[in-house]
PDB file of N, CA and C in Angstrom:
ATOM      1  N   ALA A   1       0.824  -1.190   0.000  1.00  0.00           N
ATOM      2  CA  ALA A   1       0.000   0.000   0.000  1.00  0.00           C
ATOM      3  C   ALA A   1       0.872   1.258   0.000  1.00  0.00           C
ATOM      4  N   LEU A   2       1.973   1.238   0.742  1.00  0.00           N
ATOM      5  CA  LEU A   2       2.846   2.403   0.796  1.00  0.00           C
ATOM      6  C   LEU A   2       3.481   2.663  -0.568  1.00  0.00           C
ATOM      7  N   ALA A   3       3.905   1.608  -1.236  1.00  0.00           N
ATOM      8  CA  ALA A   3       4.507   1.772  -2.563  1.00  0.00           C
ATOM      9  C   ALA A   3       3.519   2.408  -3.533  1.00  0.00           C
ATOM     10  N   ARG A   4       2.264   1.966  -3.494  1.00  0.00           N
ATOM     11  CA  ARG A   4       1.239   2.560  -4.370  1.00  0.00           C
ATOM     12  C   ARG A   4       1.053   4.036  -4.045  1.00  0.00           C
ATOM     13  N   ALA A   5       1.058   4.365  -2.778  1.00  0.00           N
ATOM     14  CA  ALA A   5       0.889   5.764  -2.374  1.00  0.00           C
ATOM     15  C   ALA A   5       2.060   6.616  -2.863  1.00  0.00           C
ATOM     16  N   LEU A   6       3.266   6.103  -2.765  1.00  0.00           N
ATOM     17  CA  LEU A   6       4.439   6.865  -3.186  1.00  0.00           C
ATOM     18  C   LEU A   6       4.495   7.046  -4.696  1.00  0.00           C
ATOM     19  N   VAL A   7       4.060   6.032  -5.442  1.00  0.00           N
ATOM     20  CA  VAL A   7       4.029   6.132  -6.902  1.00  0.00           C
ATOM     21  C   VAL A   7       3.090   7.249  -7.346  1.00  0.00           C
ATOM     22  N   ALA A   8       2.033   7.478  -6.586  1.00  0.00           N
ATOM     23  CA  ALA A   8       1.059   8.525  -6.913  1.00  0.00           C
ATOM     24  C   ALA A   8       1.604   9.931  -6.643  1.00  0.00           C
ATOM     25  N   GLU A   9       2.792  10.031  -6.041  1.00  0.00           N
ATOM     26  CA  GLU A   9       3.437  11.301  -5.717  1.00  0.00           C
ATOM     27  C   GLU A   9       2.500  12.273  -4.991  1.00  0.00           C
ATOM     28  N   PRO A  10       2.044  11.882  -3.807  1.00  0.00           N
ATOM     29  CA  PRO A  10       1.121  12.751  -3.065  1.00  0.00           C
ATOM     30  C   PRO A  10       1.831  13.994  -2.523  1.00  0.00           C
ATOM     31  N   GLN A  11       1.065  15.030  -2.253  1.00  0.00           N
ATOM     32  CA  GLN A  11       1.623  16.218  -1.613  1.00  0.00           C
ATOM     33  C   GLN A  11       1.722  16.009  -0.106  1.00  0.00           C
ATOM     34  N   VAL A  12       0.829  15.169   0.431  1.00  0.00           N
ATOM     35  CA  VAL A  12       0.818  14.842   1.855  1.00  0.00           C
ATOM     36  C   VAL A  12       0.678  13.333   1.995  1.00  0.00           C
ATOM     37  N   LEU A  13       1.504  12.741   2.833  1.00  0.00           N
ATOM     38  CA  LEU A  13       1.452  11.305   3.103  1.00  0.00           C
ATOM     39  C   LEU A  13       1.259  11.118   4.603  1.00  0.00           C
ATOM     40  N   LEU A  14       0.182  10.463   4.997  1.00  0.00           N
ATOM     41  CA  LEU A  14      -0.116  10.209   6.408  1.00  0.00           C
ATOM     42  C   LEU A  14       0.169   8.748   6.716  1.00  0.00           C
ATOM     43  N   LEU A  15       1.066   8.506   7.658  1.00  0.00           N
ATOM     44  CA  LEU A  15       1.432   7.146   8.061  1.00  0.00           C
ATOM     45  C   LEU A  15       1.107   6.971   9.535  1.00  0.00           C
ATOM     46  N   ASP A  16       0.181   6.094   9.828  1.00  0.00           N
ATOM     47  CA  ASP A  16      -0.264   5.862  11.202  1.00  0.00           C
ATOM     48  C   ASP A  16       0.369   4.585  11.732  1.00  0.00           C
ATOM     49  N   GLU A  17       1.344   4.735  12.611  1.00  0.00           N
ATOM     50  CA  GLU A  17       2.057   3.599  13.221  1.00  0.00           C
ATOM     51  C   GLU A  17       2.646   2.669  12.156  1.00  0.00           C
ATOM     52  N   ALA A  18       3.226   3.247  11.113  1.00  0.00           N
ATOM     53  CA  ALA A  18       3.768   2.468   9.998  1.00  0.00           C
ATOM     54  C   ALA A  18       4.924   1.565  10.412  1.00  0.00           C
ATOM     55  N   THR A  19       5.622   1.910  11.487  1.00  0.00           N
ATOM     56  CA  THR A  19       6.786   1.122  11.906  1.00  0.00           C
ATOM     57  C   THR A  19       6.586   0.427  13.246  1.00  0.00           C
ATOM     58  N   ALA A  20       5.368   0.356  13.711  1.00  0.00           N
ATOM     59  CA  ALA A  20       5.097  -0.209  15.041  1.00  0.00           C
ATOM     60  C   ALA A  20       5.484  -1.684  15.153  1.00  0.00           C
ATOM     61  N   ALA A  21       5.405  -2.423  14.064  1.00  0.00           N
ATOM     62  CA  ALA A  21       5.639  -3.865  14.128  1.00  0.00           C
ATOM     63  C   ALA A  21       7.068  -4.261  13.756  1.00  0.00           C
ATOM     64  N   ILE A  22       7.960  -3.280  13.614  1.00  0.00           N
ATOM     65  CA  ILE A  22       9.340  -3.606  13.269  1.00  0.00           C
ATOM     66  C   ILE A  22      10.284  -3.108  14.357  1.00  0.00           C
ATOM     67  N   ASP A  23      11.501  -3.643  14.355  1.00  0.00           N
ATOM     68  CA  ASP A  23      12.469  -3.255  15.383  1.00  0.00           C
ATOM     69  C   ASP A  23      13.024  -1.858  15.104  1.00  0.00           C
ATOM     70  N   ALA A  24      13.737  -1.312  16.063  1.00  0.00           N
ATOM     71  CA  ALA A  24      14.240   0.060  15.978  1.00  0.00           C
ATOM     72  C   ALA A  24      15.210   0.253  14.815  1.00  0.00           C
ATOM     73  N   HIS A  25      16.051  -0.751  14.540  1.00  0.00           N
ATOM     74  CA  HIS A  25      16.999  -0.648  13.425  1.00  0.00           C
ATOM     75  C   HIS A  25      16.253  -0.561  12.097  1.00  0.00           C
ATOM     76  N   SER A  26      15.256  -1.417  11.914  1.00  0.00           N
ATOM     77  CA  SER A  26      14.456  -1.395  10.686  1.00  0.00           C
ATOM     78  C   SER A  26      13.657  -0.105  10.582  1.00  0.00           C
ATOM     79  N   ASP A  27      13.193   0.399  11.720  1.00  0.00           N
ATOM     80  CA  ASP A  27      12.472   1.670  11.755  1.00  0.00           C
ATOM     81  C   ASP A  27      13.362   2.789  11.227  1.00  0.00           C
ATOM     82  N   ALA A  28      14.602   2.836  11.684  1.00  0.00           N
ATOM     83  CA  ALA A  28      15.533   3.873  11.232  1.00  0.00           C
ATOM     84  C   ALA A  28      15.799   3.754   9.733  1.00  0.00           C
ATOM     85  N   ALA A  29      15.977   2.529   9.248  1.00  0.00           N
ATOM     86  CA  ALA A  29      16.205   2.316   7.817  1.00  0.00           C
ATOM     87  C   ALA A  29      14.986   2.744   7.004  1.00  0.00           C
ATOM     88  N   PHE A  30      13.805   2.428   7.513  1.00  0.00           N
ATOM     89  CA  PHE A  30      12.560   2.824   6.843  1.00  0.00           C
ATOM     90  C   PHE A  30      12.459   4.344   6.756  1.00  0.00           C
ATOM     91  N   ARG A  31      12.717   5.029   7.871  1.00  0.00           N
ATOM     92  CA  ARG A  31      12.611   6.493   7.884  1.00  0.00           C
ATOM     93  C   ARG A  31      13.618   7.131   6.931  1.00  0.00           C
ATOM     94  N   THR A  32      14.828   6.578   6.861  1.00  0.00           N
ATOM     95  CA  THR A  32      15.836   7.100   5.935  1.00  0.00           C
ATOM     96  C   THR A  32      15.376   6.935   4.495  1.00  0.00           C
ATOM     97  N   ALA A  33      14.883   5.752   4.158  1.00  0.00           N
ATOM     98  CA  ALA A  33      14.398   5.506   2.795  1.00  0.00           C
ATOM     99  C   ALA A  33      13.191   6.385   2.468  1.00  0.00           C
ATOM    100  N   LEU A  34      12.307   6.544   3.422  1.00  0.00           N
ATOM    101  CA  LEU A  34      11.124   7.386   3.215  1.00  0.00           C
ATOM    102  C   LEU A  34      11.539   8.831   2.975  1.00  0.00           C
ATOM    103  N   TRP A  35      12.473   9.332   3.775  1.00  0.00           N
ATOM    104  CA  TRP A  35      12.944  10.702   3.614  1.00  0.00           C
ATOM    105  C   TRP A  35      13.562  10.897   2.229  1.00  0.00           C
ATOM    106  N   ARG A  36      14.404   9.962   1.806  1.00  0.00           N
ATOM    107  CA  ARG A  36      15.042  10.071   0.484  1.00  0.00           C
ATOM    108  C   ARG A  36      14.003  10.057  -0.634  1.00  0.00           C
ATOM    109  N   THR A  37      12.962   9.258  -0.460  1.00  0.00           N
ATOM    110  CA  THR A  37      11.925   9.140  -1.484  1.00  0.00           C
ATOM    111  C   THR A  37      11.043  10.375  -1.548  1.00  0.00           C
ATOM    112  N   THR A  38      10.712  10.942  -0.413  1.00  0.00           N
ATOM    113  CA  THR A  38       9.750  12.045  -0.385  1.00  0.00           C
ATOM    114  C   THR A  38      10.398  13.421  -0.478  1.00  0.00           C
ATOM    115  N   TRP A  39      11.663  13.563  -0.094  1.00  0.00           N
ATOM    116  CA  TRP A  39      12.311  14.877  -0.060  1.00  0.00           C
ATOM    117  C   TRP A  39      12.311  15.549  -1.433  1.00  0.00           C
ATOM    118  N   SER A  40      12.736  14.841  -2.468  1.00  0.00           N
ATOM    119  CA  SER A  40      12.835  15.439  -3.802  1.00  0.00           C
ATOM    120  C   SER A  40      11.469  15.749  -4.404  1.00  0.00           C
ATOM    121  N   LYS A  41      10.436  15.128  -3.884  1.00  0.00           N
ATOM    122  CA  LYS A  41       9.083  15.337  -4.409  1.00  0.00           C
ATOM    123  C   LYS A  41       8.317  16.384  -3.610  1.00  0.00           C
ATOM    124  N   GLU A  42       8.974  16.985  -2.622  1.00  0.00           N
ATOM    125  CA  GLU A  42       8.340  17.981  -1.765  1.00  0.00           C
ATOM    126  C   GLU A  42       7.019  17.472  -1.188  1.00  0.00           C
ATOM    127  N   CYS A  43       7.075  16.280  -0.649  1.00  0.00           N
ATOM    128  CA  CYS A  43       5.905  15.638  -0.042  1.00  0.00           C
ATOM    129  C   CYS A  43       5.974  15.819   1.471  1.00  0.00           C
ATOM    130  N   ALA A  44       4.920  16.336   2.051  1.00  0.00           N
ATOM    131  CA  ALA A  44       4.842  16.451   3.511  1.00  0.00           C
ATOM    132  C   ALA A  44       4.467  15.087   4.077  1.00  0.00           C
ATOM    133  N   VAL A  45       5.212  14.617   5.048  1.00  0.00           N
ATOM    134  CA  VAL A  45       4.941  13.320   5.665  1.00  0.00           C
ATOM    135  C   VAL A  45       4.509  13.554   7.108  1.00  0.00           C
ATOM    136  N   ILE A  46       3.345  13.026   7.448  1.00  0.00           N
ATOM    137  CA  ILE A  46       2.843  13.093   8.818  1.00  0.00           C
ATOM    138  C   ILE A  46       2.937  11.685   9.386  1.00  0.00           C
ATOM    139  N   LEU A  47       3.774  11.519  10.402  1.00  0.00           N
ATOM    140  CA  LEU A  47       3.967  10.214  11.037  1.00  0.00           C
ATOM    141  C   LEU A  47       3.274  10.203  12.392  1.00  0.00           C
ATOM    142  N   VAL A  48       2.401   9.241  12.587  1.00  0.00           N
ATOM    143  CA  VAL A  48       1.787   9.016  13.893  1.00  0.00           C
ATOM    144  C   VAL A  48       2.568   7.864  14.507  1.00  0.00           C
ATOM    145  N   ALA A  49       3.160   8.087  15.680  1.00  0.00           N
ATOM    146  CA  ALA A  49       4.019   7.057  16.260  1.00  0.00           C
ATOM    147  C   ALA A  49       4.068   7.164  17.775  1.00  0.00           C
ATOM    148  N   HIS A  50       4.307   6.030  18.408  1.00  0.00           N
ATOM    149  CA  HIS A  50       4.538   5.993  19.847  1.00  0.00           C
ATOM    150  C   HIS A  50       6.033   5.878  20.147  1.00  0.00           C
ATOM    151  N   ARG A  51       6.799   5.436  19.179  1.00  0.00           N
ATOM    152  CA  ARG A  51       8.239   5.252  19.369  1.00  0.00           C
ATOM    153  C   ARG A  51       8.933   6.615  19.267  1.00  0.00           C
ATOM    154  N   ILE A  52       9.603   7.023  20.316  1.00  0.00           N
ATOM    155  CA  ILE A  52      10.241   8.335  20.369  1.00  0.00           C
ATOM    156  C   ILE A  52      11.312   8.474  19.294  1.00  0.00           C
ATOM    157  N   SER A  53      12.027   7.405  18.990  1.00  0.00           N
ATOM    158  CA  SER A  53      13.072   7.496  17.968  1.00  0.00           C
ATOM    159  C   SER A  53      12.500   7.912  16.620  1.00  0.00           C
ATOM    160  N   THR A  54      11.243   7.592  16.373  1.00  0.00           N
ATOM    161  CA  THR A  54      10.597   7.993  15.126  1.00  0.00           C
ATOM    162  C   THR A  54      10.449   9.508  15.067  1.00  0.00           C
ATOM    163  N   ALA A  55      10.302  10.142  16.203  1.00  0.00           N
ATOM    164  CA  ALA A  55      10.078  11.588  16.257  1.00  0.00           C
ATOM    165  C   ALA A  55      11.368  12.399  16.322  1.00  0.00           C
ATOM    166  N   ARG A  56      12.479  11.769  16.604  1.00  0.00           N
ATOM    167  CA  ARG A  56      13.730  12.513  16.800  1.00  0.00           C
ATOM    168  C   ARG A  56      14.128  13.358  15.590  1.00  0.00           C
ATOM    169  N   ASP A  57      13.885  12.868  14.386  1.00  0.00           N
ATOM    170  CA  ASP A  57      14.309  13.566  13.174  1.00  0.00           C
ATOM    171  C   ASP A  57      13.202  14.415  12.562  1.00  0.00           C
ATOM    172  N   ALA A  58      12.087  14.519  13.234  1.00  0.00           N
ATOM    173  CA  ALA A  58      10.947  15.262  12.685  1.00  0.00           C
ATOM    174  C   ALA A  58      11.217  16.763  12.676  1.00  0.00           C
ATOM    175  N   ASP A  59      10.591  17.448  11.738  1.00  0.00           N
ATOM    176  CA  ASP A  59      10.655  18.909  11.715  1.00  0.00           C
ATOM    177  C   ASP A  59       9.820  19.490  12.847  1.00  0.00           C
ATOM    178  N   ARG A  60       8.758  18.792  13.199  1.00  0.00           N
ATOM    179  CA  ARG A  60       7.842  19.267  14.240  1.00  0.00           C
ATOM    180  C   ARG A  60       7.222  18.048  14.920  1.00  0.00           C
ATOM    181  N   VAL A  61       7.041  18.132  16.233  1.00  0.00           N
ATOM    182  CA  VAL A  61       6.434  17.057  17.013  1.00  0.00           C
ATOM    183  C   VAL A  61       5.209  17.618  17.726  1.00  0.00           C
ATOM    184  N   VAL A  62       4.136  16.847  17.701  1.00  0.00           N
ATOM    185  CA  VAL A  62       2.933  17.185  18.455  1.00  0.00           C
ATOM    186  C   VAL A  62       2.707  16.050  19.444  1.00  0.00           C
ATOM    187  N   VAL A  63       2.700  16.358  20.735  1.00  0.00           N
ATOM    188  CA  VAL A  63       2.491  15.360  21.783  1.00  0.00           C
ATOM    189  C   VAL A  63       1.035  15.446  22.215  1.00  0.00           C
ATOM    190  N   MET A  64       0.359  14.304  22.158  1.00  0.00           N
ATOM    191  CA  MET A  64      -1.047  14.261  22.548  1.00  0.00           C
ATOM    192  C   MET A  64      -1.220  13.360  23.759  1.00  0.00           C
ATOM    193  N   GLU A  65      -2.150  13.725  24.604  1.00  0.00           N
ATOM    194  CA  GLU A  65      -2.489  12.925  25.776  1.00  0.00           C
ATOM    195  C   GLU A  65      -3.997  12.999  25.963  1.00  0.00           C
ATOM    196  N   SER A  66      -4.640  11.856  26.021  1.00  0.00           N
ATOM    197  CA  SER A  66      -6.094  11.787  26.187  1.00  0.00           C
ATOM    198  C   SER A  66      -6.822  12.616  25.133  1.00  0.00           C
ATOM    199  N   GLY A  67      -6.315  12.561  23.895  1.00  0.00           N
ATOM    200  CA  GLY A  67      -6.967  13.253  22.792  1.00  0.00           C
ATOM    201  C   GLY A  67      -6.706  14.741  22.710  1.00  0.00           C
ATOM    202  N   ARG A  68      -5.824  15.255  23.546  1.00  0.00           N
ATOM    203  CA  ARG A  68      -5.523  16.690  23.562  1.00  0.00           C
ATOM    204  C   ARG A  68      -4.047  16.937  23.260  1.00  0.00           C
ATOM    205  N   VAL A  69      -3.781  18.021  22.555  1.00  0.00           N
ATOM    206  CA  VAL A  69      -2.403  18.432  22.312  1.00  0.00           C
ATOM    207  C   VAL A  69      -1.864  19.043  23.601  1.00  0.00           C
ATOM    208  N   VAL A  70      -0.780  18.475  24.119  1.00  0.00           N
ATOM    209  CA  VAL A  70      -0.187  18.993  25.353  1.00  0.00           C
ATOM    210  C   VAL A  70       1.149  19.697  25.107  1.00  0.00           C
ATOM    211  N   GLU A  71       1.787  19.391  23.982  1.00  0.00           N
ATOM    212  CA  GLU A  71       3.042  20.048  23.607  1.00  0.00           C
ATOM    213  C   GLU A  71       3.185  19.995  22.099  1.00  0.00           C
ATOM    214  N   GLU A  72       3.864  20.974  21.551  1.00  0.00           N
ATOM    215  CA  GLU A  72       4.258  20.902  20.152  1.00  0.00           C
ATOM    216  C   GLU A  72       5.466  21.789  19.927  1.00  0.00           C
ATOM    217  N   GLY A  73       6.306  21.357  18.985  1.00  0.00           N
ATOM    218  CA  GLY A  73       7.500  22.130  18.689  1.00  0.00           C
ATOM    219  C   GLY A  73       8.576  21.268  18.064  1.00  0.00           C
ATOM    220  N   LEU A  74       9.771  21.813  17.994  1.00  0.00           N
ATOM    221  CA  LEU A  74      10.916  21.069  17.486  1.00  0.00           C
ATOM    222  C   LEU A  74      11.325  20.032  18.525  1.00  0.00           C
ATOM    223  N   PRO A  75      11.761  18.844  18.087  1.00  0.00           N
ATOM    224  CA  PRO A  75      12.133  17.814  19.065  1.00  0.00           C
ATOM    225  C   PRO A  75      13.148  18.297  20.097  1.00  0.00           C
ATOM    226  N   GLY A  76      14.194  18.975  19.664  1.00  0.00           N
ATOM    227  CA  GLY A  76      15.208  19.463  20.602  1.00  0.00           C
ATOM    228  C   GLY A  76      14.662  20.472  21.596  1.00  0.00           C
ATOM    229  N   ASP A  77      13.777  21.342  21.112  1.00  0.00           N
ATOM    230  CA  ASP A  77      13.162  22.329  22.003  1.00  0.00           C
ATOM    231  C   ASP A  77      12.282  21.651  23.047  1.00  0.00           C
ATOM    232  N   LEU A  78      11.556  20.618  22.619  1.00  0.00           N
ATOM    233  CA  LEU A  78      10.677  19.909  23.550  1.00  0.00           C
ATOM    234  C   LEU A  78      11.483  19.168  24.612  1.00  0.00           C
ATOM    235  N   VAL A  79      12.603  18.586  24.217  1.00  0.00           N
ATOM    236  CA  VAL A  79      13.461  17.916  25.202  1.00  0.00           C
ATOM    237  C   VAL A  79      14.010  18.945  26.185  1.00  0.00           C
ATOM    238  N   ALA A  80      14.449  20.087  25.668  1.00  0.00           N
ATOM    239  CA  ALA A  80      15.013  21.129  26.529  1.00  0.00           C
ATOM    240  C   ALA A  80      13.981  21.723  27.485  1.00  0.00           C
ATOM    241  N   SER A  81      12.705  21.690  27.094  1.00  0.00           N
ATOM    242  CA  SER A  81      11.667  22.295  27.935  1.00  0.00           C
ATOM    243  C   SER A  81      11.349  21.458  29.171  1.00  0.00           C
ATOM    244  N   GLY A  82      11.746  20.177  29.149  1.00  0.00           N
ATOM    245  CA  GLY A  82      11.541  19.327  30.321  1.00  0.00           C
ATOM    246  C   GLY A  82      10.119  18.843  30.521  1.00  0.00           C
ATOM    247  N   GLY A  83       9.300  18.867  29.495  1.00  0.00           N
ATOM    248  CA  GLY A  83       7.905  18.444  29.605  1.00  0.00           C
ATOM    249  C   GLY A  83       7.697  16.969  29.326  1.00  0.00           C
ATOM    250  N   ARG A  84       6.542  16.640  28.823  1.00  0.00           N
ATOM    251  CA  ARG A  84       6.179  15.240  28.583  1.00  0.00           C
ATOM    252  C   ARG A  84       7.072  14.576  27.541  1.00  0.00           C
ATOM    253  N   PHE A  85       7.354  15.276  26.433  1.00  0.00           N
ATOM    254  CA  PHE A  85       8.220  14.694  25.410  1.00  0.00           C
ATOM    255  C   PHE A  85       9.601  14.406  25.988  1.00  0.00           C
ATOM    256  N   ALA A  86      10.120  15.318  26.792  1.00  0.00           N
ATOM    257  CA  ALA A  86      11.424  15.109  27.430  1.00  0.00           C
ATOM    258  C   ALA A  86      11.402  13.875  28.325  1.00  0.00           C
ATOM    259  N   ALA A  87      10.321  13.700  29.078  1.00  0.00           N
ATOM    260  CA  ALA A  87      10.200  12.527  29.951  1.00  0.00           C
ATOM    261  C   ALA A  87      10.143  11.250  29.129  1.00  0.00           C
ATOM    262  N   LEU A  88       9.397  11.278  28.030  1.00  0.00           N
ATOM    263  CA  LEU A  88       9.310  10.101  27.168  1.00  0.00           C
ATOM    264  C   LEU A  88      10.647   9.807  26.497  1.00  0.00           C
ATOM    265  N   ALA A  89      11.364  10.852  26.092  1.00  0.00           N
ATOM    266  CA  ALA A  89      12.689  10.660  25.503  1.00  0.00           C
ATOM    267  C   ALA A  89      13.647  10.054  26.524  1.00  0.00           C
ATOM    268  N   ALA A  90      13.553  10.491  27.771  1.00  0.00           N
ATOM    269  CA  ALA A  90      14.391   9.921  28.830  1.00  0.00           C
ATOM    270  C   ALA A  90      14.056   8.452  29.045  1.00  0.00           C
ATOM    271  N   LEU A  91      12.771   8.122  29.029  1.00  0.00           N
ATOM    272  CA  LEU A  91      12.362   6.718  29.170  1.00  0.00           C
ATOM    273  C   LEU A  91      12.888   5.879  28.016  1.00  0.00           C
ATOM    274  N   ALA A  92      12.821   6.424  26.806  1.00  0.00           N
ATOM    275  CA  ALA A  92      13.313   5.690  25.639  1.00  0.00           C
ATOM    276  C   ALA A  92      14.810   5.431  25.767  1.00  0.00           C
ATOM    277  N   ALA A  93      15.560   6.409  26.244  1.00  0.00           N
ATOM    278  CA  ALA A  93      17.001   6.237  26.433  1.00  0.00           C
ATOM    279  C   ALA A  93      17.287   5.182  27.491  1.00  0.00           C
ATOM    280  N   LEU A  94      16.516   5.186  28.562  1.00  0.00           N
ATOM    281  CA  LEU A  94      16.701   4.184  29.615  1.00  0.00           C
ATOM    282  C   LEU A  94      16.304   2.798  29.132  1.00  0.00           C
ATOM    283  N   ASP A  95      15.284   2.736  28.278  1.00  0.00           N
ATOM    284  CA  ASP A  95      14.868   1.461  27.707  1.00  0.00           C
ATOM    285  C   ASP A  95      16.007   0.868  26.880  1.00  0.00           C
ATOM    286  N   GLU A  96      16.669   1.713  26.096  1.00  0.00           N
ATOM    287  CA  GLU A  96      17.793   1.253  25.290  1.00  0.00           C
ATOM    288  C   GLU A  96      18.927   0.742  26.173  1.00  0.00           C
ATOM    289  N   ALA A  97      19.012   1.263  27.391  1.00  0.00           N
ATOM    290  CA  ALA A  97      20.046   0.828  28.336  1.00  0.00           C
ATOM    291  C   ALA A  97      19.635  -0.410  29.129  1.00  0.00           C
ATOM    292  N   GLY A  98      18.375  -0.861  28.950  1.00  0.00           N
ATOM    293  CA  GLY A  98      17.922  -2.082  29.593  1.00  0.00           C
ATOM    294  C   GLY A  98      17.295  -1.925  30.963  1.00  0.00           C
ATOM    295  N   TRP A  99      16.889  -0.737  31.351  1.00  0.00           N
ATOM    296  CA  TRP A  99      16.259  -0.527  32.656  1.00  0.00           C
ATOM    297  C   TRP A  99      14.848  -1.090  32.664  1.00  0.00           C
ATOM    298  N   SER A 100      14.396  -1.544  33.842  1.00  0.00           N
ATOM    299  CA  SER A 100      13.020  -2.024  33.987  1.00  0.00           C
ATOM    300  C   SER A 100      12.075  -0.833  34.063  1.00  0.00           C
ATOM    301  N   TRP A 101      10.781  -1.109  33.861  1.00  0.00           N
ATOM    302  CA  TRP A 101       9.772  -0.039  33.969  1.00  0.00           C
ATOM    303  C   TRP A 101       9.815   0.613  35.344  1.00  0.00           C
ATOM    304  N   GLU A 102       9.974  -0.189  36.386  1.00  0.00           N
ATOM    305  CA  GLU A 102       9.984   0.362  37.742  1.00  0.00           C
ATOM    306  C   GLU A 102      11.157   1.324  37.931  1.00  0.00           C
ATOM    307  N   GLU A 103      12.330   0.923  37.480  1.00  0.00           N
ATOM    308  CA  GLU A 103      13.507   1.781  37.596  1.00  0.00           C
ATOM    309  C   GLU A 103      13.332   3.064  36.785  1.00  0.00           C
ATOM    310  N   ARG A 104      12.777   2.920  35.580  1.00  0.00           N
ATOM    311  CA  ARG A 104      12.603   4.084  34.709  1.00  0.00           C
ATOM    312  C   ARG A 104      11.617   5.071  35.301  1.00  0.00           C
ATOM    313  N   THR A 105      10.513   4.578  35.811  1.00  0.00           N
ATOM    314  CA  THR A 105       9.502   5.508  36.307  1.00  0.00           C
ATOM    315  C   THR A 105       9.975   6.224  37.564  1.00  0.00           C
ATOM    316  N   GLN A 106      10.777   5.560  38.370  1.00  0.00           N
ATOM    317  CA  GLN A 106      11.286   6.207  39.580  1.00  0.00           C
ATOM    318  C   GLN A 106      12.340   7.256  39.255  1.00  0.00           C
ATOM    319  N   ASP A 107      13.154   7.019  38.241  1.00  0.00           N
ATOM    320  CA  ASP A 107      14.295   7.886  37.990  1.00  0.00           C
ATOM    321  C   ASP A 107      14.121   8.897  36.863  1.00  0.00           C
ATOM    322  N   ALA A 108      13.147   8.726  35.982  1.00  0.00           N
ATOM    323  CA  ALA A 108      13.138   9.559  34.785  1.00  0.00           C
ATOM    324  C   ALA A 108      11.879  10.352  34.512  1.00  0.00           C
ATOM    325  N   THR A 109      10.766  10.004  35.087  1.00  0.00           N
ATOM    326  CA  THR A 109       9.528  10.599  34.602  1.00  0.00           C
ATOM    327  C   THR A 109       9.066  11.840  35.316  1.00  0.00           C
ATOM    328  N   ASP A 110       9.480  12.061  36.524  1.00  0.00           N
ATOM    329  CA  ASP A 110       9.043  13.230  37.278  1.00  0.00           C
ATOM    330  C   ASP A 110       7.522  13.306  37.337  1.00  0.00           C
ATOM    331  N   GLY A 111       6.894  12.138  37.451  1.00  0.00           N
ATOM    332  CA  GLY A 111       5.445  12.112  37.629  1.00  0.00           C
ATOM    333  C   GLY A 111       4.618  12.004  36.368  1.00  0.00           C
ATOM    334  N   TYR A 112       5.229  11.975  35.191  1.00  0.00           N
ATOM    335  CA  TYR A 112       4.444  11.941  33.965  1.00  0.00           C
ATOM    336  C   TYR A 112       3.902  10.558  33.623  1.00  0.00           C
ATOM    337  N   ILE A 113       4.584   9.506  34.038  1.00  0.00           N
ATOM    338  CA  ILE A 113       4.173   8.146  33.724  1.00  0.00           C
ATOM    339  C   ILE A 113       3.733   7.468  35.012  1.00  0.00           C
ATOM    340  N   GLU A 114       2.672   6.670  34.927  1.00  0.00           N
ATOM    341  CA  GLU A 114       2.193   5.971  36.119  1.00  0.00           C
ATOM    342  C   GLU A 114       3.319   5.146  36.724  1.00  0.00           C
ATOM    343  N   LYS A 115       3.464   5.209  38.023  1.00  0.00           N
ATOM    344  CA  LYS A 115       4.576   4.541  38.682  1.00  0.00           C
ATOM    345  C   LYS A 115       4.255   3.134  39.169  1.00  0.00           C
ATOM    346  N   ASP A 116       3.061   2.624  38.874  1.00  0.00           N
ATOM    347  CA  ASP A 116       2.724   1.291  39.353  1.00  0.00           C
ATOM    348  C   ASP A 116       2.996   0.217  38.306  1.00  0.00           C
ATOM    349  N   ARG A 117       3.517   0.573  37.175  1.00  0.00           N
ATOM    350  CA  ARG A 117       3.788  -0.400  36.126  1.00  0.00           C
ATOM    351  C   ARG A 117       5.095  -1.106  36.452  1.00  0.00           C
ATOM    352  N   THR A 118       5.086  -2.442  36.506  1.00  0.00           N
ATOM    353  CA  THR A 118       6.279  -3.177  36.925  1.00  0.00           C
ATOM    354  C   THR A 118       6.801  -4.110  35.845  1.00  0.00           C
ATOM    355  N   GLU A 119       6.335  -3.952  34.652  1.00  0.00           N
ATOM    356  CA  GLU A 119       6.777  -4.779  33.542  1.00  0.00           C
ATOM    357  C   GLU A 119       8.276  -4.589  33.328  1.00  0.00           C
ATOM    358  N   THR A 120       8.998  -5.673  32.991  1.00  0.00           N
ATOM    359  CA  THR A 120      10.432  -5.580  32.715  1.00  0.00           C
ATOM    360  C   THR A 120      10.692  -6.028  31.297  1.00  0.00           C
ATOM    361  N   ARG A 121      11.871  -5.678  30.829  1.00  0.00           N
ATOM    362  CA  ARG A 121      12.272  -6.060  29.466  1.00  0.00           C
ATOM    363  C   ARG A 121      12.505  -7.538  29.380  1.00  0.00           C
TER     364      ARG A 121
END
């Protein structure tokens, strides 16, 4: 379906959790290929994703919670602001380091993520 959409050379391409079922390495390769394919065609790409690494290279990030926009801006600005995106980015970094949910929520979230989750990697 994605190949058909790209062949049509759309002005806007909306991808909803397009990389949710693949690992982080494949996600990065997908985003690189997508950028190379769409950049020369001046196609705006809107990515809906839960994986923070997907948002790191975005021109703009919109953080939603319970159906409401709670933050928006450049990824670096959002991390620097110390809000929800920053907390999620910190959790993603700790996840890459192998920390459990309990350790991550105690040390990184500053109250943004429920602290009763005890799932481990």
